[in-house]
Amino acid sequence: MRGEVRLNIEGPGETPYIQVSYRAPAASEDAFLALAVLDSLLAGPSSPSVFGGGGISNKTSRLYRSLVEKEYAIGVHGDAQATIDPFLYTLILTVHPNRESNEVLAALDAEIERVQSKTVSAKEVNRAIKQARALFAYGSENVTGQAAWLGFAEMFATYDWFTSYLDRLAAVTAEDVRRIAQTMLAPNNRVVGMYIPSEAKRHGAGR
């Protein structure tokens, strides 16, 4: 892919959505650990597995505070899944009724630029790591979850990936987070999709 790709999709409904997908590293790469912490910091932790997880609020995340609390978006979440090959890191935003999609995208980009240009405090990184570790622990706290994870890890790496994940996650630094933000969240590394519902378009919103 050469440069950013943007596309608009129109359809029924009233709520505009934005989906931004960046090329992301394979789970076996060290960079994936930094991505997991960056995801937790930006949008709240997402489960790296196909069988999901839950129970962790994203209200302390940067995008929640800068987009949801300031009424650019109704909701925001990220998705960083563990895969055998390089895949995608995706951010999905539900546009606030009083905002336009391009305005929300600009606010997202401003927050991403902030992570790229300024070193995140150790306190904020530690909180992001703690939340990502907690989400991972929820998905592997019983024998069934552990067995599922061991089998899943063998699909894209080895079972050692699962057994060492929490320790390696705890070793991620603020500089690791800034570095992955600078390299992975570059505008020329993404596809931006905007869903423009027909009802919103009729009233001049969602663009």
N, C-alpha and C. Protein backbone atom coordinates (compact mmCIF):
# COMPACT_ATOMS: atom_id res chain seq x y z
N MET A 1 0.84 -1.19 0.00
CA MET A 1 0.00 0.00 0.00
C MET A 1 0.88 1.24 0.00
N ARG A 2 0.54 2.19 -0.85
CA ARG A 2 1.29 3.44 -0.92
C ARG A 2 0.41 4.58 -0.45
N GLY A 3 0.68 5.07 0.73
CA GLY A 3 -0.08 6.18 1.27
C GLY A 3 -1.41 5.76 1.86
N GLU A 4 -2.03 6.72 2.52
CA GLU A 4 -3.32 6.47 3.16
C GLU A 4 -4.41 6.21 2.12
N VAL A 5 -5.30 5.30 2.43
CA VAL A 5 -6.46 5.01 1.59
C VAL A 5 -7.72 5.38 2.37
N ARG A 6 -8.62 6.11 1.73
CA ARG A 6 -9.88 6.48 2.36
C ARG A 6 -11.05 6.02 1.50
N LEU A 7 -12.10 5.60 2.16
CA LEU A 7 -13.30 5.20 1.43
C LEU A 7 -14.52 5.53 2.27
N ASN A 8 -15.60 5.90 1.58
CA ASN A 8 -16.88 6.18 2.21
C ASN A 8 -17.89 5.14 1.77
N ILE A 9 -18.68 4.69 2.72
CA ILE A 9 -19.75 3.73 2.43
C ILE A 9 -21.07 4.33 2.91
N GLU A 10 -22.06 4.36 2.04
CA GLU A 10 -23.37 4.89 2.41
C GLU A 10 -24.36 3.74 2.56
N GLY A 11 -25.27 3.90 3.51
CA GLY A 11 -26.26 2.87 3.75
C GLY A 11 -27.33 3.33 4.70
N PRO A 12 -28.25 2.46 5.05
CA PRO A 12 -29.36 2.83 5.93
C PRO A 12 -28.88 3.10 7.36
N GLY A 13 -29.70 3.85 8.10
CA GLY A 13 -29.38 4.11 9.49
C GLY A 13 -29.24 5.59 9.77
N GLU A 14 -28.89 5.90 11.02
CA GLU A 14 -28.77 7.29 11.44
C GLU A 14 -27.41 7.63 12.05
N THR A 15 -26.61 6.60 12.36
CA THR A 15 -25.36 6.84 13.09
C THR A 15 -24.14 6.64 12.21
N PRO A 16 -23.30 7.67 12.06
CA PRO A 16 -22.04 7.51 11.31
C PRO A 16 -20.99 6.77 12.15
N TYR A 17 -20.17 6.00 11.47
CA TYR A 17 -19.07 5.29 12.12
C TYR A 17 -17.78 5.55 11.35
N ILE A 18 -16.68 5.46 12.07
CA ILE A 18 -15.35 5.55 11.45
C ILE A 18 -14.55 4.33 11.86
N GLN A 19 -13.94 3.68 10.90
CA GLN A 19 -13.03 2.57 11.19
C GLN A 19 -11.68 2.88 10.56
N VAL A 20 -10.65 2.88 11.40
CA VAL A 20 -9.29 3.16 10.95
C VAL A 20 -8.44 1.93 11.22
N SER A 21 -7.87 1.35 10.17
CA SER A 21 -7.08 0.13 10.31
C SER A 21 -5.64 0.37 9.88
N TYR A 22 -4.70 0.01 10.76
CA TYR A 22 -3.27 0.15 10.51
C TYR A 22 -2.65 -1.23 10.34
N ARG A 23 -1.65 -1.32 9.49
CA ARG A 23 -0.89 -2.57 9.40
C ARG A 23 -0.15 -2.79 10.71
N ALA A 24 -0.26 -3.99 11.24
CA ALA A 24 0.26 -4.29 12.58
C ALA A 24 1.15 -5.53 12.54
N PRO A 25 2.04 -5.68 13.53
CA PRO A 25 2.97 -6.82 13.54
C PRO A 25 2.31 -8.14 13.92
N ALA A 26 2.96 -9.22 13.53
CA ALA A 26 2.53 -10.55 13.95
C ALA A 26 2.73 -10.70 15.46
N ALA A 27 1.98 -11.60 16.07
CA ALA A 27 2.03 -11.76 17.52
C ALA A 27 3.39 -12.23 18.01
N SER A 28 4.15 -12.92 17.19
CA SER A 28 5.45 -13.43 17.61
C SER A 28 6.52 -12.34 17.67
N GLU A 29 6.24 -11.17 17.10
CA GLU A 29 7.21 -10.07 17.11
C GLU A 29 7.15 -9.31 18.43
N ASP A 30 8.30 -8.82 18.88
CA ASP A 30 8.35 -8.04 20.12
C ASP A 30 7.46 -6.81 20.02
N ALA A 31 7.32 -6.27 18.82
CA ALA A 31 6.52 -5.06 18.63
C ALA A 31 5.06 -5.28 19.00
N PHE A 32 4.59 -6.53 18.96
CA PHE A 32 3.19 -6.79 19.30
C PHE A 32 2.92 -6.48 20.77
N LEU A 33 3.92 -6.70 21.62
CA LEU A 33 3.75 -6.39 23.04
C LEU A 33 3.58 -4.89 23.24
N ALA A 34 4.39 -4.11 22.52
CA ALA A 34 4.26 -2.65 22.60
C ALA A 34 2.91 -2.21 22.05
N LEU A 35 2.43 -2.87 21.01
CA LEU A 35 1.12 -2.55 20.46
C LEU A 35 0.03 -2.82 21.48
N ALA A 36 0.12 -3.92 22.21
CA ALA A 36 -0.89 -4.25 23.22
C ALA A 36 -0.98 -3.16 24.29
N VAL A 37 0.18 -2.62 24.68
CA VAL A 37 0.18 -1.56 25.68
C VAL A 37 -0.33 -0.26 25.07
N LEU A 38 0.07 0.04 23.83
CA LEU A 38 -0.42 1.24 23.14
C LEU A 38 -1.94 1.17 22.99
N ASP A 39 -2.46 0.02 22.62
CA ASP A 39 -3.90 -0.17 22.49
C ASP A 39 -4.60 0.11 23.81
N SER A 40 -4.07 -0.43 24.90
CA SER A 40 -4.65 -0.22 26.22
C SER A 40 -4.63 1.25 26.59
N LEU A 41 -3.54 1.93 26.28
CA LEU A 41 -3.40 3.35 26.61
C LEU A 41 -4.36 4.20 25.78
N LEU A 42 -4.46 3.91 24.49
CA LEU A 42 -5.27 4.73 23.60
C LEU A 42 -6.77 4.48 23.76
N ALA A 43 -7.18 3.22 23.68
CA ALA A 43 -8.60 2.90 23.57
C ALA A 43 -9.12 2.00 24.67
N GLY A 44 -8.24 1.57 25.59
CA GLY A 44 -8.63 0.56 26.57
C GLY A 44 -8.21 -0.79 26.03
N PRO A 45 -7.84 -1.74 26.90
CA PRO A 45 -7.29 -3.01 26.43
C PRO A 45 -8.30 -3.83 25.64
N SER A 46 -7.84 -4.46 24.57
CA SER A 46 -8.67 -5.40 23.82
C SER A 46 -8.03 -6.77 23.92
N SER A 47 -8.85 -7.80 23.87
CA SER A 47 -8.33 -9.16 23.99
C SER A 47 -7.58 -9.54 22.72
N PRO A 48 -6.37 -10.09 22.85
CA PRO A 48 -5.63 -10.52 21.66
C PRO A 48 -6.13 -11.84 21.09
N SER A 49 -7.12 -12.46 21.74
CA SER A 49 -7.58 -13.78 21.30
C SER A 49 -8.88 -13.68 20.51
N VAL A 50 -9.21 -14.75 19.81
CA VAL A 50 -10.45 -14.80 19.04
C VAL A 50 -11.65 -15.06 19.94
N PHE A 51 -11.41 -15.51 21.19
CA PHE A 51 -12.54 -15.78 22.08
C PHE A 51 -12.79 -14.66 23.05
N GLY A 52 -12.18 -13.52 22.82
CA GLY A 52 -12.56 -12.28 23.50
C GLY A 52 -12.24 -12.23 24.97
N GLY A 53 -12.82 -11.24 25.61
CA GLY A 53 -12.62 -10.98 27.03
C GLY A 53 -13.50 -9.82 27.42
N GLY A 54 -13.48 -9.47 28.68
CA GLY A 54 -14.33 -8.36 29.10
C GLY A 54 -14.05 -7.99 30.54
N GLY A 55 -14.76 -6.97 31.00
CA GLY A 55 -14.67 -6.59 32.39
C GLY A 55 -13.74 -5.43 32.69
N ILE A 56 -13.08 -4.86 31.66
CA ILE A 56 -12.17 -3.75 31.88
C ILE A 56 -12.75 -2.50 31.23
N SER A 57 -12.96 -1.46 32.01
CA SER A 57 -13.47 -0.19 31.48
C SER A 57 -12.38 0.53 30.69
N ASN A 58 -12.81 1.27 29.67
CA ASN A 58 -11.84 2.07 28.90
C ASN A 58 -11.96 3.55 29.20
N LYS A 59 -12.60 3.90 30.30
CA LYS A 59 -12.86 5.30 30.61
C LYS A 59 -11.61 6.08 31.02
N THR A 60 -10.53 5.38 31.33
CA THR A 60 -9.27 6.08 31.63
C THR A 60 -8.39 6.21 30.39
N SER A 61 -8.81 5.64 29.27
CA SER A 61 -7.99 5.68 28.06
C SER A 61 -7.98 7.08 27.47
N ARG A 62 -6.95 7.37 26.70
CA ARG A 62 -6.80 8.71 26.12
C ARG A 62 -7.92 9.05 25.14
N LEU A 63 -8.31 8.10 24.31
CA LEU A 63 -9.33 8.39 23.32
C LEU A 63 -10.70 8.56 23.96
N TYR A 64 -10.96 7.84 25.03
CA TYR A 64 -12.24 8.05 25.73
C TYR A 64 -12.29 9.45 26.29
N ARG A 65 -11.19 9.88 26.93
CA ARG A 65 -11.19 11.20 27.56
C ARG A 65 -11.23 12.33 26.52
N SER A 66 -10.50 12.14 25.40
CA SER A 66 -10.41 13.22 24.42
C SER A 66 -11.54 13.22 23.39
N LEU A 67 -12.17 12.07 23.16
CA LEU A 67 -13.22 12.00 22.14
C LEU A 67 -14.62 11.81 22.73
N VAL A 68 -14.75 10.88 23.65
CA VAL A 68 -16.08 10.61 24.22
C VAL A 68 -16.48 11.69 25.23
N GLU A 69 -15.59 11.97 26.18
CA GLU A 69 -15.93 12.97 27.19
C GLU A 69 -16.11 14.37 26.58
N LYS A 70 -15.43 14.65 25.48
CA LYS A 70 -15.55 15.96 24.83
C LYS A 70 -16.59 15.94 23.70
N GLU A 71 -17.33 14.83 23.62
CA GLU A 71 -18.48 14.69 22.72
C GLU A 71 -18.12 14.80 21.24
N TYR A 72 -17.00 14.22 20.88
CA TYR A 72 -16.69 13.99 19.48
C TYR A 72 -17.27 12.64 19.04
N ALA A 73 -17.27 11.70 19.97
CA ALA A 73 -17.73 10.34 19.67
C ALA A 73 -18.60 9.83 20.82
N ILE A 74 -19.48 8.91 20.48
CA ILE A 74 -20.30 8.25 21.50
C ILE A 74 -19.51 7.10 22.13
N GLY A 75 -18.71 6.45 21.33
CA GLY A 75 -17.92 5.33 21.82
C GLY A 75 -16.69 5.12 20.95
N VAL A 76 -15.68 4.48 21.54
CA VAL A 76 -14.46 4.17 20.82
C VAL A 76 -13.87 2.89 21.39
N HIS A 77 -13.38 2.03 20.51
CA HIS A 77 -12.66 0.85 20.99
C HIS A 77 -11.63 0.41 19.95
N GLY A 78 -10.61 -0.30 20.43
CA GLY A 78 -9.56 -0.80 19.56
C GLY A 78 -9.59 -2.31 19.48
N ASP A 79 -8.84 -2.84 18.53
CA ASP A 79 -8.79 -4.29 18.34
C ASP A 79 -7.40 -4.67 17.84
N ALA A 80 -6.66 -5.38 18.70
CA ALA A 80 -5.31 -5.85 18.34
C ALA A 80 -5.26 -7.35 18.58
N GLN A 81 -5.49 -8.13 17.54
CA GLN A 81 -5.54 -9.59 17.69
C GLN A 81 -4.20 -10.24 17.38
N ALA A 82 -3.93 -11.29 18.13
CA ALA A 82 -2.71 -12.07 17.91
C ALA A 82 -2.89 -12.94 16.66
N THR A 83 -1.99 -12.79 15.69
CA THR A 83 -2.07 -13.55 14.45
C THR A 83 -0.68 -14.05 14.04
N ILE A 84 -0.66 -15.08 13.22
CA ILE A 84 0.61 -15.67 12.81
C ILE A 84 1.36 -14.77 11.83
N ASP A 85 0.64 -14.02 11.03
CA ASP A 85 1.24 -13.09 10.06
C ASP A 85 0.91 -11.65 10.47
N PRO A 86 1.66 -10.70 9.97
CA PRO A 86 1.28 -9.30 10.21
C PRO A 86 -0.17 -9.08 9.78
N PHE A 87 -0.92 -8.33 10.59
CA PHE A 87 -2.34 -8.16 10.29
C PHE A 87 -2.73 -6.70 10.49
N LEU A 88 -3.77 -6.43 11.28
CA LEU A 88 -4.29 -5.08 11.42
C LEU A 88 -4.50 -4.70 12.87
N TYR A 89 -4.31 -3.41 13.14
CA TYR A 89 -4.77 -2.82 14.39
C TYR A 89 -5.88 -1.85 14.00
N THR A 90 -7.05 -2.02 14.59
CA THR A 90 -8.22 -1.26 14.17
C THR A 90 -8.81 -0.44 15.31
N LEU A 91 -9.16 0.80 15.00
CA LEU A 91 -9.90 1.67 15.90
C LEU A 91 -11.27 1.95 15.29
N ILE A 92 -12.32 1.78 16.09
CA ILE A 92 -13.68 2.02 15.62
C ILE A 92 -14.31 3.10 16.49
N LEU A 93 -14.85 4.12 15.85
CA LEU A 93 -15.45 5.25 16.55
C LEU A 93 -16.89 5.43 16.10
N THR A 94 -17.77 5.63 17.07
CA THR A 94 -19.16 5.97 16.79
C THR A 94 -19.29 7.48 16.90
N VAL A 95 -19.60 8.12 15.80
CA VAL A 95 -19.60 9.59 15.72
C VAL A 95 -20.75 10.17 16.54
N HIS A 96 -20.46 11.24 17.29
CA HIS A 96 -21.48 11.93 18.07
C HIS A 96 -22.46 12.62 17.11
N PRO A 97 -23.75 12.65 17.46
CA PRO A 97 -24.75 13.26 16.57
C PRO A 97 -24.47 14.71 16.19
N ASN A 98 -23.76 15.44 17.07
CA ASN A 98 -23.50 16.86 16.80
C ASN A 98 -22.16 17.10 16.09
N ARG A 99 -21.51 16.04 15.65
CA ARG A 99 -20.21 16.17 14.99
C ARG A 99 -20.26 15.57 13.59
N GLU A 100 -19.30 15.99 12.77
CA GLU A 100 -19.11 15.39 11.45
C GLU A 100 -17.93 14.43 11.50
N SER A 101 -17.94 13.45 10.64
CA SER A 101 -16.93 12.40 10.67
C SER A 101 -15.52 12.95 10.50
N ASN A 102 -15.34 13.89 9.58
CA ASN A 102 -14.01 14.46 9.36
C ASN A 102 -13.50 15.20 10.59
N GLU A 103 -14.41 15.81 11.33
CA GLU A 103 -14.06 16.50 12.57
C GLU A 103 -13.58 15.50 13.63
N VAL A 104 -14.25 14.38 13.70
CA VAL A 104 -13.88 13.34 14.66
C VAL A 104 -12.53 12.71 14.29
N LEU A 105 -12.33 12.48 12.99
CA LEU A 105 -11.06 11.93 12.53
C LEU A 105 -9.90 12.87 12.86
N ALA A 106 -10.14 14.16 12.71
CA ALA A 106 -9.10 15.14 13.03
C ALA A 106 -8.76 15.11 14.52
N ALA A 107 -9.76 14.93 15.36
CA ALA A 107 -9.52 14.85 16.80
C ALA A 107 -8.75 13.57 17.15
N LEU A 108 -9.07 12.48 16.46
CA LEU A 108 -8.32 11.23 16.64
C LEU A 108 -6.87 11.42 16.25
N ASP A 109 -6.63 12.03 15.11
CA ASP A 109 -5.26 12.24 14.64
C ASP A 109 -4.46 13.12 15.59
N ALA A 110 -5.12 14.12 16.20
CA ALA A 110 -4.44 14.99 17.14
C ALA A 110 -3.97 14.21 18.36
N GLU A 111 -4.79 13.26 18.81
CA GLU A 111 -4.42 12.46 19.98
C GLU A 111 -3.30 11.47 19.63
N ILE A 112 -3.34 10.93 18.43
CA ILE A 112 -2.28 10.03 17.99
C ILE A 112 -0.96 10.80 17.87
N GLU A 113 -1.01 12.00 17.32
CA GLU A 113 0.20 12.82 17.19
C GLU A 113 0.79 13.13 18.56
N ARG A 114 -0.07 13.29 19.55
CA ARG A 114 0.39 13.57 20.91
C ARG A 114 1.18 12.39 21.48
N VAL A 115 0.71 11.18 21.22
CA VAL A 115 1.43 9.99 21.68
C VAL A 115 2.76 9.84 20.95
N GLN A 116 2.77 10.20 19.68
CA GLN A 116 3.98 10.06 18.87
C GLN A 116 5.05 11.08 19.24
N SER A 117 4.65 12.26 19.64
CA SER A 117 5.61 13.35 19.83
C SER A 117 6.07 13.54 21.27
N LYS A 118 5.29 13.04 22.24
CA LYS A 118 5.62 13.22 23.64
C LYS A 118 5.71 11.88 24.36
N THR A 119 6.77 11.68 25.10
CA THR A 119 6.93 10.43 25.84
C THR A 119 5.83 10.30 26.88
N VAL A 120 5.17 9.16 26.89
CA VAL A 120 4.12 8.90 27.86
C VAL A 120 4.74 8.70 29.24
N SER A 121 4.08 9.17 30.26
CA SER A 121 4.63 9.03 31.61
C SER A 121 4.67 7.56 32.02
N ALA A 122 5.61 7.24 32.90
CA ALA A 122 5.72 5.87 33.40
C ALA A 122 4.44 5.45 34.12
N LYS A 123 3.80 6.39 34.81
CA LYS A 123 2.56 6.09 35.53
C LYS A 123 1.46 5.66 34.57
N GLU A 124 1.34 6.36 33.45
CA GLU A 124 0.30 6.03 32.48
C GLU A 124 0.59 4.71 31.78
N VAL A 125 1.85 4.46 31.47
CA VAL A 125 2.23 3.18 30.86
C VAL A 125 1.95 2.04 31.83
N ASN A 126 2.30 2.22 33.08
CA ASN A 126 2.07 1.17 34.07
C ASN A 126 0.58 0.87 34.24
N ARG A 127 -0.25 1.90 34.18
CA ARG A 127 -1.69 1.69 34.27
C ARG A 127 -2.20 0.92 33.05
N ALA A 128 -1.69 1.29 31.87
CA ALA A 128 -2.10 0.60 30.64
C ALA A 128 -1.67 -0.86 30.68
N ILE A 129 -0.47 -1.13 31.17
CA ILE A 129 0.01 -2.51 31.29
C ILE A 129 -0.85 -3.28 32.29
N LYS A 130 -1.15 -2.66 33.41
CA LYS A 130 -1.97 -3.32 34.44
C LYS A 130 -3.33 -3.70 33.88
N GLN A 131 -3.95 -2.82 33.11
CA GLN A 131 -5.27 -3.11 32.55
C GLN A 131 -5.19 -4.21 31.48
N ALA A 132 -4.14 -4.16 30.65
CA ALA A 132 -3.98 -5.20 29.63
C ALA A 132 -3.71 -6.56 30.28
N ARG A 133 -2.93 -6.57 31.33
CA ARG A 133 -2.65 -7.82 32.05
C ARG A 133 -3.91 -8.36 32.69
N ALA A 134 -4.73 -7.47 33.25
CA ALA A 134 -5.97 -7.91 33.90
C ALA A 134 -6.93 -8.54 32.90
N LEU A 135 -7.07 -7.91 31.73
CA LEU A 135 -7.95 -8.46 30.70
C LEU A 135 -7.46 -9.83 30.26
N PHE A 136 -6.16 -9.96 30.07
CA PHE A 136 -5.58 -11.25 29.67
C PHE A 136 -5.83 -12.30 30.75
N ALA A 137 -5.69 -11.90 32.01
CA ALA A 137 -5.90 -12.84 33.12
C ALA A 137 -7.35 -13.31 33.18
N TYR A 138 -8.30 -12.40 32.90
CA TYR A 138 -9.71 -12.79 32.90
C TYR A 138 -10.00 -13.90 31.89
N GLY A 139 -9.29 -13.85 30.78
CA GLY A 139 -9.53 -14.85 29.73
C GLY A 139 -8.81 -16.16 29.96
N SER A 140 -7.99 -16.23 31.01
CA SER A 140 -7.23 -17.47 31.25
C SER A 140 -7.23 -17.85 32.73
N GLU A 141 -8.30 -17.46 33.43
CA GLU A 141 -8.31 -17.71 34.87
C GLU A 141 -8.80 -19.11 35.24
N ASN A 142 -9.40 -19.82 34.29
CA ASN A 142 -9.83 -21.19 34.59
C ASN A 142 -9.14 -22.16 33.64
N VAL A 143 -9.31 -23.44 33.91
CA VAL A 143 -8.63 -24.47 33.13
C VAL A 143 -9.06 -24.44 31.67
N THR A 144 -10.34 -24.22 31.44
CA THR A 144 -10.85 -24.18 30.07
C THR A 144 -10.20 -23.02 29.29
N GLY A 145 -10.14 -21.85 29.93
CA GLY A 145 -9.52 -20.70 29.28
C GLY A 145 -8.04 -20.92 29.01
N GLN A 146 -7.35 -21.54 29.96
CA GLN A 146 -5.93 -21.81 29.79
C GLN A 146 -5.69 -22.80 28.65
N ALA A 147 -6.53 -23.84 28.57
CA ALA A 147 -6.39 -24.81 27.50
C ALA A 147 -6.64 -24.17 26.13
N ALA A 148 -7.66 -23.30 26.08
CA ALA A 148 -7.96 -22.61 24.83
C ALA A 148 -6.79 -21.73 24.41
N TRP A 149 -6.20 -21.04 25.39
CA TRP A 149 -5.07 -20.16 25.07
C TRP A 149 -3.85 -20.96 24.61
N LEU A 150 -3.58 -22.08 25.26
CA LEU A 150 -2.42 -22.90 24.86
C LEU A 150 -2.58 -23.38 23.42
N GLY A 151 -3.79 -23.82 23.09
CA GLY A 151 -4.04 -24.27 21.72
C GLY A 151 -3.97 -23.13 20.72
N PHE A 152 -4.54 -21.98 21.10
CA PHE A 152 -4.53 -20.82 20.22
C PHE A 152 -3.11 -20.32 19.99
N ALA A 153 -2.30 -20.28 21.06
CA ALA A 153 -0.93 -19.80 20.93
C ALA A 153 -0.11 -20.68 19.99
N GLU A 154 -0.39 -21.98 19.99
CA GLU A 154 0.33 -22.89 19.10
C GLU A 154 0.00 -22.61 17.63
N MET A 155 -1.12 -21.94 17.37
CA MET A 155 -1.53 -21.65 16.00
C MET A 155 -0.69 -20.53 15.39
N PHE A 156 -0.22 -19.58 16.22
CA PHE A 156 0.52 -18.45 15.66
C PHE A 156 1.93 -18.31 16.21
N ALA A 157 2.28 -19.09 17.23
CA ALA A 157 3.63 -19.05 17.79
C ALA A 157 3.89 -20.41 18.46
N THR A 158 4.13 -20.40 19.77
CA THR A 158 4.24 -21.63 20.55
C THR A 158 3.56 -21.38 21.89
N TYR A 159 3.39 -22.44 22.67
CA TYR A 159 2.71 -22.28 23.95
C TYR A 159 3.51 -21.36 24.89
N ASP A 160 4.82 -21.22 24.63
CA ASP A 160 5.63 -20.31 25.43
C ASP A 160 5.15 -18.87 25.30
N TRP A 161 4.56 -18.54 24.17
CA TRP A 161 4.01 -17.20 23.99
C TRP A 161 2.98 -16.91 25.07
N PHE A 162 2.13 -17.89 25.35
CA PHE A 162 1.10 -17.73 26.37
C PHE A 162 1.69 -17.68 27.77
N THR A 163 2.59 -18.60 28.07
CA THR A 163 3.11 -18.69 29.43
C THR A 163 4.01 -17.50 29.80
N SER A 164 4.60 -16.86 28.81
CA SER A 164 5.50 -15.73 29.10
C SER A 164 4.88 -14.37 28.80
N TYR A 165 3.64 -14.35 28.32
CA TYR A 165 3.03 -13.11 27.85
C TYR A 165 2.97 -12.02 28.92
N LEU A 166 2.52 -12.36 30.11
CA LEU A 166 2.36 -11.36 31.16
C LEU A 166 3.69 -10.75 31.57
N ASP A 167 4.73 -11.58 31.67
CA ASP A 167 6.05 -11.05 32.03
C ASP A 167 6.60 -10.14 30.95
N ARG A 168 6.42 -10.53 29.68
CA ARG A 168 6.94 -9.71 28.58
C ARG A 168 6.14 -8.42 28.44
N LEU A 169 4.85 -8.49 28.73
CA LEU A 169 4.02 -7.29 28.68
C LEU A 169 4.48 -6.28 29.74
N ALA A 170 4.82 -6.79 30.93
CA ALA A 170 5.25 -5.92 32.02
C ALA A 170 6.58 -5.23 31.73
N ALA A 171 7.34 -5.76 30.77
CA ALA A 171 8.66 -5.19 30.46
C ALA A 171 8.59 -4.07 29.42
N VAL A 172 7.41 -3.80 28.86
CA VAL A 172 7.27 -2.75 27.85
C VAL A 172 7.50 -1.38 28.50
N THR A 173 8.25 -0.52 27.84
CA THR A 173 8.59 0.80 28.37
C THR A 173 7.84 1.91 27.64
N ALA A 174 7.91 3.11 28.22
CA ALA A 174 7.29 4.27 27.59
C ALA A 174 7.91 4.54 26.22
N GLU A 175 9.20 4.33 26.08
CA GLU A 175 9.86 4.55 24.80
C GLU A 175 9.39 3.51 23.77
N ASP A 176 9.15 2.27 24.21
CA ASP A 176 8.60 1.24 23.32
C ASP A 176 7.25 1.69 22.77
N VAL A 177 6.43 2.26 23.65
CA VAL A 177 5.09 2.70 23.25
C VAL A 177 5.18 3.84 22.24
N ARG A 178 6.05 4.81 22.50
CA ARG A 178 6.18 5.92 21.55
C ARG A 178 6.72 5.43 20.21
N ARG A 179 7.67 4.51 20.25
CA ARG A 179 8.27 4.01 19.01
C ARG A 179 7.23 3.29 18.14
N ILE A 180 6.39 2.43 18.75
CA ILE A 180 5.40 1.71 17.95
C ILE A 180 4.33 2.67 17.44
N ALA A 181 4.03 3.72 18.20
CA ALA A 181 3.07 4.73 17.74
C ALA A 181 3.62 5.48 16.54
N GLN A 182 4.90 5.81 16.57
CA GLN A 182 5.51 6.56 15.47
C GLN A 182 5.58 5.73 14.19
N THR A 183 5.92 4.46 14.31
CA THR A 183 6.11 3.63 13.12
C THR A 183 4.80 3.04 12.60
N MET A 184 3.92 2.60 13.51
CA MET A 184 2.72 1.88 13.08
C MET A 184 1.55 2.81 12.79
N LEU A 185 1.42 3.89 13.56
CA LEU A 185 0.26 4.76 13.40
C LEU A 185 0.50 5.92 12.44
N ALA A 186 1.41 5.73 11.52
CA ALA A 186 1.68 6.75 10.50
C ALA A 186 0.50 6.81 9.51
N PRO A 187 0.16 7.99 9.01
CA PRO A 187 -0.96 8.12 8.07
C PRO A 187 -0.81 7.26 6.82
N ASN A 188 0.44 7.03 6.37
CA ASN A 188 0.63 6.24 5.15
C ASN A 188 0.56 4.75 5.42
N ASN A 189 0.15 4.37 6.65
CA ASN A 189 0.09 2.97 7.04
C ASN A 189 -1.34 2.55 7.37
N ARG A 190 -2.31 3.26 6.81
CA ARG A 190 -3.68 2.98 7.25
C ARG A 190 -4.71 3.11 6.13
N VAL A 191 -5.86 2.49 6.43
CA VAL A 191 -7.06 2.65 5.61
C VAL A 191 -8.13 3.25 6.52
N VAL A 192 -8.78 4.32 6.06
CA VAL A 192 -9.83 4.99 6.82
C VAL A 192 -11.16 4.74 6.12
N GLY A 193 -12.08 4.12 6.82
CA GLY A 193 -13.41 3.89 6.28
C GLY A 193 -14.44 4.69 7.06
N MET A 194 -15.34 5.37 6.36
CA MET A 194 -16.40 6.12 7.00
C MET A 194 -17.75 5.59 6.53
N TYR A 195 -18.59 5.21 7.51
CA TYR A 195 -19.94 4.79 7.17
C TYR A 195 -20.85 6.00 7.31
N ILE A 196 -21.48 6.39 6.22
CA ILE A 196 -22.35 7.56 6.19
C ILE A 196 -23.79 7.09 5.98
N PRO A 197 -24.57 7.05 7.04
CA PRO A 197 -25.95 6.59 6.90
C PRO A 197 -26.79 7.59 6.11
N SER A 198 -27.75 7.09 5.39
CA SER A 198 -28.55 7.94 4.52
C SER A 198 -29.29 9.01 5.30
N GLU A 199 -29.75 8.70 6.51
CA GLU A 199 -30.48 9.69 7.30
C GLU A 199 -29.56 10.83 7.72
N ALA A 200 -28.32 10.50 8.12
CA ALA A 200 -27.38 11.53 8.51
C ALA A 200 -26.99 12.39 7.31
N LYS A 201 -26.82 11.77 6.16
CA LYS A 201 -26.44 12.51 4.95
C LYS A 201 -27.54 13.49 4.55
N ARG A 202 -28.78 13.07 4.76
CA ARG A 202 -29.91 13.92 4.39
C ARG A 202 -29.91 15.23 5.20
N HIS A 203 -29.40 15.13 6.43
CA HIS A 203 -29.36 16.30 7.29
C HIS A 203 -28.00 17.00 7.27
N GLY A 204 -27.12 16.57 6.37
CA GLY A 204 -25.84 17.24 6.21
C GLY A 204 -24.79 16.84 7.21
N ALA A 205 -24.99 15.77 7.99
CA ALA A 205 -24.02 15.33 8.98
C ALA A 205 -23.29 14.10 8.47
N GLY A 206 -22.27 13.70 9.23
CA GLY A 206 -21.57 12.45 8.94
C GLY A 206 -20.49 12.55 7.92
N ARG A 207 -20.28 13.70 7.29
CA ARG A 207 -19.27 13.80 6.26
C ARG A 207 -17.88 13.89 6.90
